[in-house]
Amino acid sequence: MMNKAPKLKSIIRTKARSNISIGPASVAMIELLTLLFLKSLAEEARDSAFGEKSATIRAHHVRAVSKKMLKKARG
């Protein structure tokens, strides 16, 4: 059985300095941006799989698209 994903706020606190407080609006914004990024990553991987005439999205489709998406996300 899959483990539940750790809560985003606890991840942010471990990555950030402990003396920095993070407001609930900031956590919500980070969650939304993460979901939007994952959605666009899945759509690009779907297009890549469709281009290869594959019915399923496999790990190599996601890996092939992830570098391009990360460059685009950096701005």
C-alpha atoms as a PDB file:
ATOM      1  CA  MET A   1       0.000   0.000   0.000  1.00  0.00           C
ATOM      2  CA  MET A   2       1.260   3.483  -0.819  1.00  0.00           C
ATOM      3  CA  ASN A   3       2.236   5.813   1.979  1.00  0.00           C
ATOM      4  CA  LYS A   4       0.518   9.144   2.247  1.00  0.00           C
ATOM      5  CA  ALA A   5       2.493  12.082   0.955  1.00  0.00           C
ATOM      6  CA  PRO A   6       3.945  14.282   3.698  1.00  0.00           C
ATOM      7  CA  LYS A   7       2.149  17.510   4.309  1.00  0.00           C
ATOM      8  CA  LEU A   8       3.532  20.388   2.323  1.00  0.00           C
ATOM      9  CA  LYS A   9       3.912  22.668   5.323  1.00  0.00           C
ATOM     10  CA  SER A  10       6.200  20.198   7.090  1.00  0.00           C
ATOM     11  CA  ILE A  11       8.320  19.889   3.940  1.00  0.00           C
ATOM     12  CA  ILE A  12       8.600  23.652   3.625  1.00  0.00           C
ATOM     13  CA  ARG A  13       9.602  23.994   7.273  1.00  0.00           C
ATOM     14  CA  THR A  14      12.372  21.437   6.935  1.00  0.00           C
ATOM     15  CA  LYS A  15      13.721  23.115   3.796  1.00  0.00           C
ATOM     16  CA  ALA A  16      13.429  26.659   5.150  1.00  0.00           C
ATOM     17  CA  ARG A  17      15.106  27.987   8.231  1.00  0.00           C
ATOM     18  CA  SER A  18      13.237  27.179  11.407  1.00  0.00           C
ATOM     19  CA  ASN A  19      12.906  30.834  12.424  1.00  0.00           C
ATOM     20  CA  ILE A  20      10.880  31.727   9.298  1.00  0.00           C
ATOM     21  CA  SER A  21       7.119  31.657   9.689  1.00  0.00           C
ATOM     22  CA  ILE A  22       5.041  30.734   6.676  1.00  0.00           C
ATOM     23  CA  GLY A  23       1.520  32.040   6.405  1.00  0.00           C
ATOM     24  CA  PRO A  24      -1.415  29.882   5.382  1.00  0.00           C
ATOM     25  CA  ALA A  25      -1.923  31.903   2.197  1.00  0.00           C
ATOM     26  CA  SER A  26       1.653  31.183   1.150  1.00  0.00           C
ATOM     27  CA  VAL A  27       1.219  27.468   1.761  1.00  0.00           C
ATOM     28  CA  ALA A  28      -1.981  27.482  -0.289  1.00  0.00           C
ATOM     29  CA  MET A  29      -0.239  29.333  -3.129  1.00  0.00           C
ATOM     30  CA  ILE A  30       2.643  26.848  -3.137  1.00  0.00           C
ATOM     31  CA  GLU A  31       0.189  23.935  -3.205  1.00  0.00           C
ATOM     32  CA  LEU A  32      -1.682  25.442  -6.154  1.00  0.00           C
ATOM     33  CA  LEU A  33       1.501  26.144  -8.099  1.00  0.00           C
ATOM     34  CA  THR A  34       2.703  22.595  -7.449  1.00  0.00           C
ATOM     35  CA  LEU A  35      -0.569  21.148  -8.709  1.00  0.00           C
ATOM     36  CA  LEU A  36      -0.470  23.336 -11.822  1.00  0.00           C
ATOM     37  CA  PHE A  37       3.081  22.230 -12.560  1.00  0.00           C
ATOM     38  CA  LEU A  38       2.178  18.548 -12.133  1.00  0.00           C
ATOM     39  CA  LYS A  39      -0.865  18.978 -14.357  1.00  0.00           C
ATOM     40  CA  SER A  40       1.167  20.549 -17.144  1.00  0.00           C
ATOM     41  CA  LEU A  41       3.840  17.860 -16.729  1.00  0.00           C
ATOM     42  CA  ALA A  42       1.198  15.151 -17.082  1.00  0.00           C
ATOM     43  CA  GLU A  43      -0.284  16.820 -20.159  1.00  0.00           C
ATOM     44  CA  GLU A  44       3.107  17.072 -21.859  1.00  0.00           C
ATOM     45  CA  ALA A  45       3.894  13.446 -20.973  1.00  0.00           C
ATOM     46  CA  ARG A  46       0.519  12.441 -22.418  1.00  0.00           C
ATOM     47  CA  ASP A  47       1.355  14.258 -25.653  1.00  0.00           C
ATOM     48  CA  SER A  48       4.742  12.537 -25.743  1.00  0.00           C
ATOM     49  CA  ALA A  49       3.126   9.139 -25.256  1.00  0.00           C
ATOM     50  CA  PHE A  50       0.543   9.909 -27.922  1.00  0.00           C
ATOM     51  CA  GLY A  51       3.328  10.863 -30.317  1.00  0.00           C
ATOM     52  CA  GLU A  52       4.905   7.438 -29.777  1.00  0.00           C
ATOM     53  CA  LYS A  53       1.492   5.765 -30.289  1.00  0.00           C
ATOM     54  CA  SER A  54       1.483   4.463 -26.729  1.00  0.00           C
ATOM     55  CA  ALA A  55      -1.770   4.023 -24.840  1.00  0.00           C
ATOM     56  CA  THR A  56      -0.167   4.557 -21.435  1.00  0.00           C
ATOM     57  CA  ILE A  57       2.131   7.193 -19.993  1.00  0.00           C
ATOM     58  CA  ARG A  58       5.340   5.538 -18.862  1.00  0.00           C
ATOM     59  CA  ALA A  59       8.246   6.798 -16.801  1.00  0.00           C
ATOM     60  CA  HIS A  60      10.412   7.489 -19.833  1.00  0.00           C
ATOM     61  CA  HIS A  61       7.720   9.800 -21.224  1.00  0.00           C
ATOM     62  CA  VAL A  62       7.752  11.822 -18.017  1.00  0.00           C
ATOM     63  CA  ARG A  63      11.553  11.899 -17.873  1.00  0.00           C
ATOM     64  CA  ALA A  64      11.776  13.061 -21.474  1.00  0.00           C
ATOM     65  CA  VAL A  65       9.430  15.960 -20.815  1.00  0.00           C
ATOM     66  CA  SER A  66      10.580  16.883 -17.307  1.00  0.00           C
ATOM     67  CA  LYS A  67      13.814  18.614 -18.351  1.00  0.00           C
ATOM     68  CA  LYS A  68      11.975  20.805 -20.818  1.00  0.00           C
ATOM     69  CA  MET A  69       9.253  21.619 -18.281  1.00  0.00           C
ATOM     70  CA  LEU A  70      11.737  22.482 -15.537  1.00  0.00           C
ATOM     71  CA  LYS A  71      13.594  24.855 -17.851  1.00  0.00           C
ATOM     72  CA  LYS A  72      10.299  26.493 -18.765  1.00  0.00           C
ATOM     73  CA  ALA A  73       9.273  26.748 -15.093  1.00  0.00           C
ATOM     74  CA  ARG A  74      12.496  28.516 -14.121  1.00  0.00           C
ATOM     75  CA  GLY A  75      11.648  31.321 -16.482  1.00  0.00           C
END
